[in-house]
Full PDB file with SEQRES, HELIX, SHEET, SSBOND, CRYST1, ORIGX, SCALE, CONECT and MASTER records, all heavy atoms in Angstrom:
SEQRES   1 A   35  ALA ALA CYS ILE ALA ASN TYR LEU LEU GLU ASN ASN ARG          
SEQRES   2 A   35  SER VAL VAL MET THR SER PHE VAL ARG ILE LEU GLN GLU          
SEQRES   3 A   35  LEU LYS GLY PHE ASP LYS GLY ARG GLU                          
HELIX    1 AA1 ALA A    2  GLU A   10  1                                   9    
HELIX    2 AA2 PHE A   20  LEU A   27  1                                   8    
CRYST1    1.000    1.000    1.000  90.00  90.00  90.00 P 1           1          
ORIGX1      1.000000  0.000000  0.000000        0.00000                         
ORIGX2      0.000000  1.000000  0.000000        0.00000                         
ORIGX3      0.000000  0.000000  1.000000        0.00000                         
SCALE1      1.000000  0.000000  0.000000        0.00000                         
SCALE2      0.000000  1.000000  0.000000        0.00000                         
SCALE3      0.000000  0.000000  1.000000        0.00000                         
ATOM      1  N   ALA A   1      45.867 116.397 310.112  1.00  0.00           N  
ATOM      2  CA  ALA A   1      45.650 115.235 309.228  1.00  0.00           C  
ATOM      3  C   ALA A   1      44.590 115.560 308.186  1.00  0.00           C  
ATOM      4  O   ALA A   1      44.701 115.193 307.003  1.00  0.00           O  
ATOM      5  CB  ALA A   1      45.257 114.009 310.035  1.00  0.00           C  
ATOM      6  N   ALA A   2      43.510 116.263 308.583  1.00  0.00           N  
ATOM      7  CA  ALA A   2      42.465 116.660 307.662  1.00  0.00           C  
ATOM      8  C   ALA A   2      42.953 117.645 306.623  1.00  0.00           C  
ATOM      9  O   ALA A   2      42.491 117.617 305.448  1.00  0.00           O  
ATOM     10  CB  ALA A   2      41.279 117.257 308.430  1.00  0.00           C  
ATOM     11  N   CYS A   3      43.889 118.484 306.965  1.00  0.00           N  
ATOM     12  CA  CYS A   3      44.484 119.407 305.980  1.00  0.00           C  
ATOM     13  C   CYS A   3      45.211 118.611 304.887  1.00  0.00           C  
ATOM     14  O   CYS A   3      45.102 118.956 303.702  1.00  0.00           O  
ATOM     15  CB  CYS A   3      45.490 120.354 306.661  1.00  0.00           C  
ATOM     16  SG  CYS A   3      44.715 121.615 307.688  1.00  0.00           S  
ATOM     17  N   ILE A   4      45.910 117.566 305.294  1.00  0.00           N  
ATOM     18  CA  ILE A   4      46.555 116.700 304.293  1.00  0.00           C  
ATOM     19  C   ILE A   4      45.525 116.034 303.407  1.00  0.00           C  
ATOM     20  O   ILE A   4      45.654 115.991 302.182  1.00  0.00           O  
ATOM     21  CB  ILE A   4      47.405 115.622 305.008  1.00  0.00           C  
ATOM     22  CG1 ILE A   4      48.554 116.271 305.780  1.00  0.00           C  
ATOM     23  CG2 ILE A   4      47.930 114.598 303.998  1.00  0.00           C  
ATOM     24  CD1 ILE A   4      49.378 115.320 306.627  1.00  0.00           C  
ATOM     25  N   ALA A   5      44.470 115.545 304.051  1.00  0.00           N  
ATOM     26  CA  ALA A   5      43.399 114.856 303.282  1.00  0.00           C  
ATOM     27  C   ALA A   5      42.805 115.798 302.237  1.00  0.00           C  
ATOM     28  O   ALA A   5      42.680 115.407 301.058  1.00  0.00           O  
ATOM     29  CB  ALA A   5      42.313 114.360 304.246  1.00  0.00           C  
ATOM     30  N   ASN A   6      42.435 116.987 302.658  1.00  0.00           N  
ATOM     31  CA  ASN A   6      41.797 117.932 301.720  1.00  0.00           C  
ATOM     32  C   ASN A   6      42.736 118.401 300.620  1.00  0.00           C  
ATOM     33  O   ASN A   6      42.312 118.621 299.474  1.00  0.00           O  
ATOM     34  CB  ASN A   6      41.215 119.104 302.503  1.00  0.00           C  
ATOM     35  CG  ASN A   6      39.980 118.716 303.268  1.00  0.00           C  
ATOM     36  OD1 ASN A   6      39.095 118.002 302.756  1.00  0.00           O  
ATOM     37  ND2 ASN A   6      39.872 119.149 304.516  1.00  0.00           N  
ATOM     38  N   TYR A   7      43.999 118.591 300.963  1.00  0.00           N  
ATOM     39  CA  TYR A   7      45.000 118.943 299.942  1.00  0.00           C  
ATOM     40  C   TYR A   7      45.064 117.879 298.856  1.00  0.00           C  
ATOM     41  O   TYR A   7      45.034 118.181 297.680  1.00  0.00           O  
ATOM     42  CB  TYR A   7      46.358 119.123 300.620  1.00  0.00           C  
ATOM     43  CG  TYR A   7      47.487 119.534 299.659  1.00  0.00           C  
ATOM     44  CD1 TYR A   7      47.863 120.853 299.542  1.00  0.00           C  
ATOM     45  CD2 TYR A   7      48.141 118.583 298.867  1.00  0.00           C  
ATOM     46  CE1 TYR A   7      48.879 121.233 298.676  1.00  0.00           C  
ATOM     47  CE2 TYR A   7      49.156 118.949 297.999  1.00  0.00           C  
ATOM     48  CZ  TYR A   7      49.503 120.275 297.894  1.00  0.00           C  
ATOM     49  OH  TYR A   7      50.502 120.652 297.033  1.00  0.00           O  
ATOM     50  N   LEU A   8      45.134 116.612 299.265  1.00  0.00           N  
ATOM     51  CA  LEU A   8      45.222 115.521 298.297  1.00  0.00           C  
ATOM     52  C   LEU A   8      43.937 115.332 297.538  1.00  0.00           C  
ATOM     53  O   LEU A   8      43.963 115.054 296.300  1.00  0.00           O  
ATOM     54  CB  LEU A   8      45.610 114.253 299.010  1.00  0.00           C  
ATOM     55  CG  LEU A   8      46.998 114.223 299.669  1.00  0.00           C  
ATOM     56  CD1 LEU A   8      47.276 112.920 300.418  1.00  0.00           C  
ATOM     57  CD2 LEU A   8      48.111 114.503 298.659  1.00  0.00           C  
ATOM     58  N   LEU A   9      42.806 115.514 298.185  1.00  0.00           N  
ATOM     59  CA  LEU A   9      41.524 115.422 297.495  1.00  0.00           C  
ATOM     60  C   LEU A   9      41.423 116.491 296.413  1.00  0.00           C  
ATOM     61  O   LEU A   9      40.909 116.223 295.300  1.00  0.00           O  
ATOM     62  CB  LEU A   9      40.359 115.554 298.467  1.00  0.00           C  
ATOM     63  CG  LEU A   9      40.101 114.323 299.374  1.00  0.00           C  
ATOM     64  CD1 LEU A   9      39.103 114.682 300.473  1.00  0.00           C  
ATOM     65  CD2 LEU A   9      39.554 113.183 298.551  1.00  0.00           C  
ATOM     66  N   GLU A  10      41.871 117.711 296.731  1.00  0.00           N  
ATOM     67  CA  GLU A  10      41.862 118.815 295.726  1.00  0.00           C  
ATOM     68  C   GLU A  10      42.760 118.507 294.545  1.00  0.00           C  
ATOM     69  O   GLU A  10      42.553 118.964 293.437  1.00  0.00           O  
ATOM     70  CB  GLU A  10      42.305 120.104 296.387  1.00  0.00           C  
ATOM     71  CG  GLU A  10      41.301 120.688 297.350  1.00  0.00           C  
ATOM     72  CD  GLU A  10      40.007 121.131 296.652  1.00  0.00           C  
ATOM     73  OE1 GLU A  10      40.062 121.404 295.426  1.00  0.00           O  
ATOM     74  OE2 GLU A  10      38.960 121.218 297.316  1.00  0.00           O  
ATOM     75  N   ASN A  11      43.754 117.642 294.790  1.00  0.00           N  
ATOM     76  CA  ASN A  11      44.668 117.249 293.724  1.00  0.00           C  
ATOM     77  C   ASN A  11      44.305 115.864 293.143  1.00  0.00           C  
ATOM     78  O   ASN A  11      45.165 115.175 292.585  1.00  0.00           O  
ATOM     79  CB  ASN A  11      46.100 117.263 294.220  1.00  0.00           C  
ATOM     80  CG  ASN A  11      46.632 118.678 294.380  1.00  0.00           C  
ATOM     81  OD1 ASN A  11      47.105 119.298 293.408  1.00  0.00           O  
ATOM     82  ND2 ASN A  11      46.573 119.238 295.583  1.00  0.00           N  
ATOM     83  N   ASN A  12      43.022 115.530 293.338  1.00  0.00           N  
ATOM     84  CA  ASN A  12      42.437 114.334 292.711  1.00  0.00           C  
ATOM     85  C   ASN A  12      43.054 113.029 293.190  1.00  0.00           C  
ATOM     86  O   ASN A  12      43.140 112.056 292.432  1.00  0.00           O  
ATOM     87  CB  ASN A  12      42.550 114.407 291.168  1.00  0.00           C  
ATOM     88  CG  ASN A  12      41.255 114.045 290.503  1.00  0.00           C  
ATOM     89  OD1 ASN A  12      40.175 114.095 291.093  1.00  0.00           O  
ATOM     90  ND2 ASN A  12      41.336 113.696 289.217  1.00  0.00           N  
ATOM     91  N   ARG A  13      43.489 113.023 294.424  1.00  0.00           N  
ATOM     92  CA  ARG A  13      43.978 111.784 295.043  1.00  0.00           C  
ATOM     93  C   ARG A  13      42.863 111.223 295.948  1.00  0.00           C  
ATOM     94  O   ARG A  13      42.221 111.985 296.690  1.00  0.00           O  
ATOM     95  CB  ARG A  13      45.229 112.053 295.883  1.00  0.00           C  
ATOM     96  CG  ARG A  13      46.475 112.235 295.050  1.00  0.00           C  
ATOM     97  CD  ARG A  13      46.995 110.894 294.540  1.00  0.00           C  
ATOM     98  NE  ARG A  13      48.367 110.972 294.107  1.00  0.00           N  
ATOM     99  CZ  ARG A  13      49.156 109.921 293.891  1.00  0.00           C  
ATOM    100  NH1 ARG A  13      48.654 108.700 294.079  1.00  0.00           N  
ATOM    101  NH2 ARG A  13      50.366 110.045 293.455  1.00  0.00           N  
ATOM    102  N   SER A  14      42.675 109.927 295.951  1.00  0.00           N  
ATOM    103  CA  SER A  14      41.632 109.317 296.786  1.00  0.00           C  
ATOM    104  C   SER A  14      42.148 109.196 298.221  1.00  0.00           C  
ATOM    105  O   SER A  14      43.248 108.697 298.446  1.00  0.00           O  
ATOM    106  CB  SER A  14      41.231 107.956 296.238  1.00  0.00           C  
ATOM    107  OG  SER A  14      42.369 107.130 296.127  1.00  0.00           O  
ATOM    108  N   VAL A  15      41.310 109.664 299.124  1.00  0.00           N  
ATOM    109  CA  VAL A  15      41.673 109.610 300.568  1.00  0.00           C  
ATOM    110  C   VAL A  15      40.442 109.144 301.351  1.00  0.00           C  
ATOM    111  O   VAL A  15      39.326 109.568 301.089  1.00  0.00           O  
ATOM    112  CB  VAL A  15      42.084 111.004 301.079  1.00  0.00           C  
ATOM    113  CG1 VAL A  15      42.458 110.949 302.551  1.00  0.00           C  
ATOM    114  CG2 VAL A  15      43.225 111.587 300.289  1.00  0.00           C  
ATOM    115  N   VAL A  16      40.682 108.276 302.325  1.00  0.00           N  
ATOM    116  CA  VAL A  16      39.637 107.909 303.303  1.00  0.00           C  
ATOM    117  C   VAL A  16      40.160 108.368 304.652  1.00  0.00           C  
ATOM    118  O   VAL A  16      41.249 107.986 305.062  1.00  0.00           O  
ATOM    119  CB  VAL A  16      39.370 106.399 303.262  1.00  0.00           C  
ATOM    120  CG1 VAL A  16      38.502 106.006 304.482  1.00  0.00           C  
ATOM    121  CG2 VAL A  16      38.670 105.981 301.990  1.00  0.00           C  
ATOM    122  N   MET A  17      39.351 109.154 305.334  1.00  0.00           N  
ATOM    123  CA  MET A  17      39.681 109.580 306.692  1.00  0.00           C  
ATOM    124  C   MET A  17      38.531 109.114 307.626  1.00  0.00           C  
ATOM    125  O   MET A  17      37.381 109.511 307.419  1.00  0.00           O  
ATOM    126  CB  MET A  17      39.868 111.096 306.787  1.00  0.00           C  
ATOM    127  CG  MET A  17      40.256 111.544 308.184  1.00  0.00           C  
ATOM    128  SD  MET A  17      40.735 113.335 308.262  1.00  0.00           S  
ATOM    129  CE  MET A  17      41.109 113.490 310.008  1.00  0.00           C  
ATOM    130  N   THR A  18      38.881 108.358 308.605  1.00  0.00           N  
ATOM    131  CA  THR A  18      37.848 107.803 309.512  1.00  0.00           C  
ATOM    132  C   THR A  18      38.548 107.527 310.851  1.00  0.00           C  
ATOM    133  O   THR A  18      39.623 108.027 311.147  1.00  0.00           O  
ATOM    134  CB  THR A  18      37.221 106.537 308.901  1.00  0.00           C  
ATOM    135  OG1 THR A  18      36.192 106.099 309.741  1.00  0.00           O  
ATOM    136  CG2 THR A  18      38.225 105.422 308.673  1.00  0.00           C  
ATOM    137  N   SER A  19      37.917 106.695 311.671  1.00  0.00           N  
ATOM    138  CA  SER A  19      38.483 106.296 312.983  1.00  0.00           C  
ATOM    139  C   SER A  19      38.210 104.832 313.223  1.00  0.00           C  
ATOM    140  O   SER A  19      37.311 104.252 312.604  1.00  0.00           O  
ATOM    141  CB  SER A  19      37.893 107.132 314.114  1.00  0.00           C  
ATOM    142  OG  SER A  19      36.530 106.811 314.294  1.00  0.00           O  
ATOM    143  N   PHE A  20      39.018 104.198 314.071  1.00  0.00           N  
ATOM    144  CA  PHE A  20      38.749 102.817 314.378  1.00  0.00           C  
ATOM    145  C   PHE A  20      37.421 102.613 315.061  1.00  0.00           C  
ATOM    146  O   PHE A  20      36.748 101.628 314.855  1.00  0.00           O  
ATOM    147  CB  PHE A  20      39.907 102.261 315.243  1.00  0.00           C  
ATOM    148  CG  PHE A  20      41.166 101.978 314.495  1.00  0.00           C  
ATOM    149  CD1 PHE A  20      42.343 102.605 314.810  1.00  0.00           C  
ATOM    150  CD2 PHE A  20      41.165 101.067 313.443  1.00  0.00           C  
ATOM    151  CE1 PHE A  20      43.505 102.345 314.121  1.00  0.00           C  
ATOM    152  CE2 PHE A  20      42.323 100.782 312.728  1.00  0.00           C  
ATOM    153  CZ  PHE A  20      43.487 101.438 313.059  1.00  0.00           C  
ATOM    154  N   VAL A  21      37.034 103.587 315.896  1.00  0.00           N  
ATOM    155  CA  VAL A  21      35.723 103.513 316.550  1.00  0.00           C  
ATOM    156  C   VAL A  21      34.626 103.473 315.519  1.00  0.00           C  
ATOM    157  O   VAL A  21      33.695 102.645 315.602  1.00  0.00           O  
ATOM    158  CB  VAL A  21      35.526 104.704 317.515  1.00  0.00           C  
ATOM    159  CG1 VAL A  21      34.110 104.737 318.068  1.00  0.00           C  
ATOM    160  CG2 VAL A  21      36.525 104.608 318.673  1.00  0.00           C  
ATOM    161  N   ARG A  22      34.724 104.338 314.527  1.00  0.00           N  
ATOM    162  CA  ARG A  22      33.712 104.390 313.478  1.00  0.00           C  
ATOM    163  C   ARG A  22      33.715 103.119 312.635  1.00  0.00           C  
ATOM    164  O   ARG A  22      32.692 102.597 312.248  1.00  0.00           O  
ATOM    165  CB  ARG A  22      33.910 105.617 312.612  1.00  0.00           C  
ATOM    166  CG  ARG A  22      32.859 105.761 311.535  1.00  0.00           C  
ATOM    167  CD  ARG A  22      32.937 107.116 310.866  1.00  0.00           C  
ATOM    168  NE  ARG A  22      31.924 107.275 309.854  1.00  0.00           N  
ATOM    169  CZ  ARG A  22      31.727 108.350 309.106  1.00  0.00           C  
ATOM    170  NH1 ARG A  22      32.490 109.422 309.343  1.00  0.00           N  
ATOM    171  NH2 ARG A  22      30.818 108.420 308.202  1.00  0.00           N  
ATOM    172  N   ILE A  23      34.904 102.631 312.326  1.00  0.00           N  
ATOM    173  CA  ILE A  23      35.080 101.395 311.538  1.00  0.00           C  
ATOM    174  C   ILE A  23      34.384 100.245 312.242  1.00  0.00           C  
ATOM    175  O   ILE A  23      33.607  99.451 311.648  1.00  0.00           O  
ATOM    176  CB  ILE A  23      36.546 101.084 311.269  1.00  0.00           C  
ATOM    177  CG1 ILE A  23      37.147 102.064 310.281  1.00  0.00           C  
ATOM    178  CG2 ILE A  23      36.688  99.660 310.763  1.00  0.00           C  
ATOM    179  CD1 ILE A  23      38.630 101.922 310.103  1.00  0.00           C  
ATOM    180  N   LEU A  24      34.643 100.100 313.565  1.00  0.00           N  
ATOM    181  CA  LEU A  24      34.041  98.991 314.309  1.00  0.00           C  
ATOM    182  C   LEU A  24      32.521  99.139 314.363  1.00  0.00           C  
ATOM    183  O   LEU A  24      31.825  98.093 314.357  1.00  0.00           O  
ATOM    184  CB  LEU A  24      34.654  98.959 315.711  1.00  0.00           C  
ATOM    185  CG  LEU A  24      36.161  98.605 315.754  1.00  0.00           C  
ATOM    186  CD1 LEU A  24      36.730  98.790 317.160  1.00  0.00           C  
ATOM    187  CD2 LEU A  24      36.379  97.171 315.304  1.00  0.00           C  
ATOM    188  N   GLN A  25      32.029 100.361 314.392  1.00  0.00           N  
ATOM    189  CA  GLN A  25      30.574 100.552 314.366  1.00  0.00           C  
ATOM    190  C   GLN A  25      30.011 100.143 312.993  1.00  0.00           C  
ATOM    191  O   GLN A  25      28.939  99.534 312.949  1.00  0.00           O  
ATOM    192  CB  GLN A  25      30.246 102.034 314.657  1.00  0.00           C  
ATOM    193  CG  GLN A  25      30.473 102.438 316.110  1.00  0.00           C  
ATOM    194  CD  GLN A  25      30.283 103.921 316.334  1.00  0.00           C  
ATOM    195  OE1 GLN A  25      30.292 104.742 315.351  1.00  0.00           O  
ATOM    196  NE2 GLN A  25      30.091 104.314 317.581  1.00  0.00           N  
ATOM    197  N   GLU A  26      30.729 100.470 311.935  1.00  0.00           N  
ATOM    198  CA  GLU A  26      30.284 100.128 310.601  1.00  0.00           C  
ATOM    199  C   GLU A  26      30.226  98.604 310.408  1.00  0.00           C  
ATOM    200  O   GLU A  26      29.374  98.083 309.711  1.00  0.00           O  
ATOM    201  CB  GLU A  26      31.249 100.711 309.555  1.00  0.00           C  
ATOM    202  CG  GLU A  26      31.228 102.213 309.445  1.00  0.00           C  
ATOM    203  CD  GLU A  26      30.180 102.689 308.456  1.00  0.00           C  
ATOM    204  OE1 GLU A  26      29.563 101.866 307.788  1.00  0.00           O  
ATOM    205  OE2 GLU A  26      29.915 103.917 308.423  1.00  0.00           O  
ATOM    206  N   LEU A  27      31.129  97.910 311.062  1.00  0.00           N  
ATOM    207  CA  LEU A  27      31.243  96.448 310.858  1.00  0.00           C  
ATOM    208  C   LEU A  27      30.175  95.672 311.578  1.00  0.00           C  
ATOM    209  O   LEU A  27      30.020  94.454 311.323  1.00  0.00           O  
ATOM    210  CB  LEU A  27      32.639  95.974 311.304  1.00  0.00           C  
ATOM    211  CG  LEU A  27      33.844  96.441 310.457  1.00  0.00           C  
ATOM    212  CD1 LEU A  27      35.135  95.952 311.110  1.00  0.00           C  
ATOM    213  CD2 LEU A  27      33.701  95.938 309.025  1.00  0.00           C  
ATOM    214  N   LYS A  28      29.440  96.317 312.471  1.00  0.00           N  
ATOM    215  CA  LYS A  28      28.416  95.594 313.244  1.00  0.00           C  
ATOM    216  C   LYS A  28      27.419  94.920 312.294  1.00  0.00           C  
ATOM    217  O   LYS A  28      26.801  95.545 311.458  1.00  0.00           O  
ATOM    218  CB  LYS A  28      27.648  96.540 314.172  1.00  0.00           C  
ATOM    219  CG  LYS A  28      28.458  96.934 315.412  1.00  0.00           C  
ATOM    220  CD  LYS A  28      27.620  97.832 316.303  1.00  0.00           C  
ATOM    221  CE  LYS A  28      28.394  98.215 317.569  1.00  0.00           C  
ATOM    222  NZ  LYS A  28      27.617  99.121 318.429  1.00  0.00           N  
ATOM    223  N   GLY A  29      27.226  93.637 312.469  1.00  0.00           N  
ATOM    224  CA  GLY A  29      26.223  92.907 311.690  1.00  0.00           C  
ATOM    225  C   GLY A  29      26.693  92.495 310.296  1.00  0.00           C  
ATOM    226  O   GLY A  29      25.949  91.917 309.543  1.00  0.00           O  
ATOM    227  N   PHE A  30      27.931  92.852 309.946  1.00  0.00           N  
ATOM    228  CA  PHE A  30      28.445  92.489 308.604  1.00  0.00           C  
ATOM    229  C   PHE A  30      28.789  91.021 308.592  1.00  0.00           C  
ATOM    230  O   PHE A  30      29.400  90.474 309.512  1.00  0.00           O  
ATOM    231  CB  PHE A  30      29.706  93.278 308.289  1.00  0.00           C  
ATOM    232  CG  PHE A  30      29.441  94.665 307.733  1.00  0.00           C  
ATOM    233  CD1 PHE A  30      28.196  95.245 307.862  1.00  0.00           C  
ATOM    234  CD2 PHE A  30      30.440  95.379 307.068  1.00  0.00           C  
ATOM    235  CE1 PHE A  30      27.940  96.518 307.376  1.00  0.00           C  
ATOM    236  CE2 PHE A  30      30.187  96.632 306.540  1.00  0.00           C  
ATOM    237  CZ  PHE A  30      28.956  97.210 306.714  1.00  0.00           C  
ATOM    238  N   ASP A  31      28.435  90.355 307.493  1.00  0.00           N  
ATOM    239  CA  ASP A  31      28.943  88.964 307.291  1.00  0.00           C  
ATOM    240  C   ASP A  31      30.330  89.099 306.679  1.00  0.00           C  
ATOM    241  O   ASP A  31      30.827  90.163 306.400  1.00  0.00           O  
ATOM    242  CB  ASP A  31      27.988  88.157 306.384  1.00  0.00           C  
ATOM    243  CG  ASP A  31      27.770  88.788 305.027  1.00  0.00           C  
ATOM    244  OD1 ASP A  31      28.634  89.570 304.569  1.00  0.00           O  
ATOM    245  OD2 ASP A  31      26.716  88.515 304.424  1.00  0.00           O  
ATOM    246  N   LYS A  32      30.985  87.940 306.463  1.00  0.00           N  
ATOM    247  CA  LYS A  32      32.354  87.953 305.984  1.00  0.00           C  
ATOM    248  C   LYS A  32      32.488  88.635 304.607  1.00  0.00           C  
ATOM    249  O   LYS A  32      33.429  89.407 304.380  1.00  0.00           O  
ATOM    250  CB  LYS A  32      32.844  86.520 305.837  1.00  0.00           C  
ATOM    251  CG  LYS A  32      34.327  86.339 305.428  1.00  0.00           C  
ATOM    252  CD  LYS A  32      35.240  86.886 306.517  1.00  0.00           C  
ATOM    253  CE  LYS A  32      36.694  86.473 306.243  1.00  0.00           C  
ATOM    254  NZ  LYS A  32      37.243  86.921 304.982  1.00  0.00           N  
ATOM    255  N   GLY A  33      31.491  88.441 303.743  1.00  0.00           N  
ATOM    256  CA  GLY A  33      31.553  89.056 302.425  1.00  0.00           C  
ATOM    257  C   GLY A  33      31.497  90.549 302.468  1.00  0.00           C  
ATOM    258  O   GLY A  33      32.277  91.245 301.817  1.00  0.00           O  
ATOM    259  N   ARG A  34      30.545  91.095 303.236  1.00  0.00           N  
ATOM    260  CA  ARG A  34      30.413  92.568 303.349  1.00  0.00           C  
ATOM    261  C   ARG A  34      31.614  93.174 304.064  1.00  0.00           C  
ATOM    262  O   ARG A  34      32.054  94.262 303.731  1.00  0.00           O  
ATOM    263  CB  ARG A  34      29.096  92.899 304.085  1.00  0.00           C  
ATOM    264  CG  ARG A  34      27.845  92.666 303.314  1.00  0.00           C  
ATOM    265  CD  ARG A  34      26.618  93.145 304.050  1.00  0.00           C  
ATOM    266  NE  ARG A  34      26.620  94.613 304.172  1.00  0.00           N  
ATOM    267  CZ  ARG A  34      25.791  95.253 304.959  1.00  0.00           C  
ATOM    268  NH1 ARG A  34      24.936  94.618 305.737  1.00  0.00           N  
ATOM    269  NH2 ARG A  34      25.829  96.596 305.014  1.00  0.00           N  
ATOM    270  N   GLU A  35      32.124  92.421 305.023  1.00  0.00           N  
ATOM    271  CA  GLU A  35      33.328  92.901 305.744  1.00  0.00           C  
ATOM    272  C   GLU A  35      34.510  93.024 304.803  1.00  0.00           C  
ATOM    273  O   GLU A  35      35.251  94.019 304.842  1.00  0.00           O  
ATOM    274  CB  GLU A  35      33.612  91.966 306.881  1.00  0.00           C  
ATOM    275  CG  GLU A  35      34.691  92.476 307.850  1.00  0.00           C  
ATOM    276  CD  GLU A  35      34.887  91.536 309.040  1.00  0.00           C  
ATOM    277  OE1 GLU A  35      33.992  91.526 309.941  1.00  0.00           O  
ATOM    278  OE2 GLU A  35      35.901  90.815 309.068  1.00  0.00           O  
TER     279      GLU A  35                                                      
MASTER        0    0    0    2    0    0    0    6  278    1    0    3          
END                                                                             
């Protein structure tokens, strides 16, 4: 999956690669607006 991400990034396509675990950690303490 990361090979796909880097290929597209090299071709100037926007890609976000993350995990649900990381997303849920990021959301801790967020209000509705920041979320």
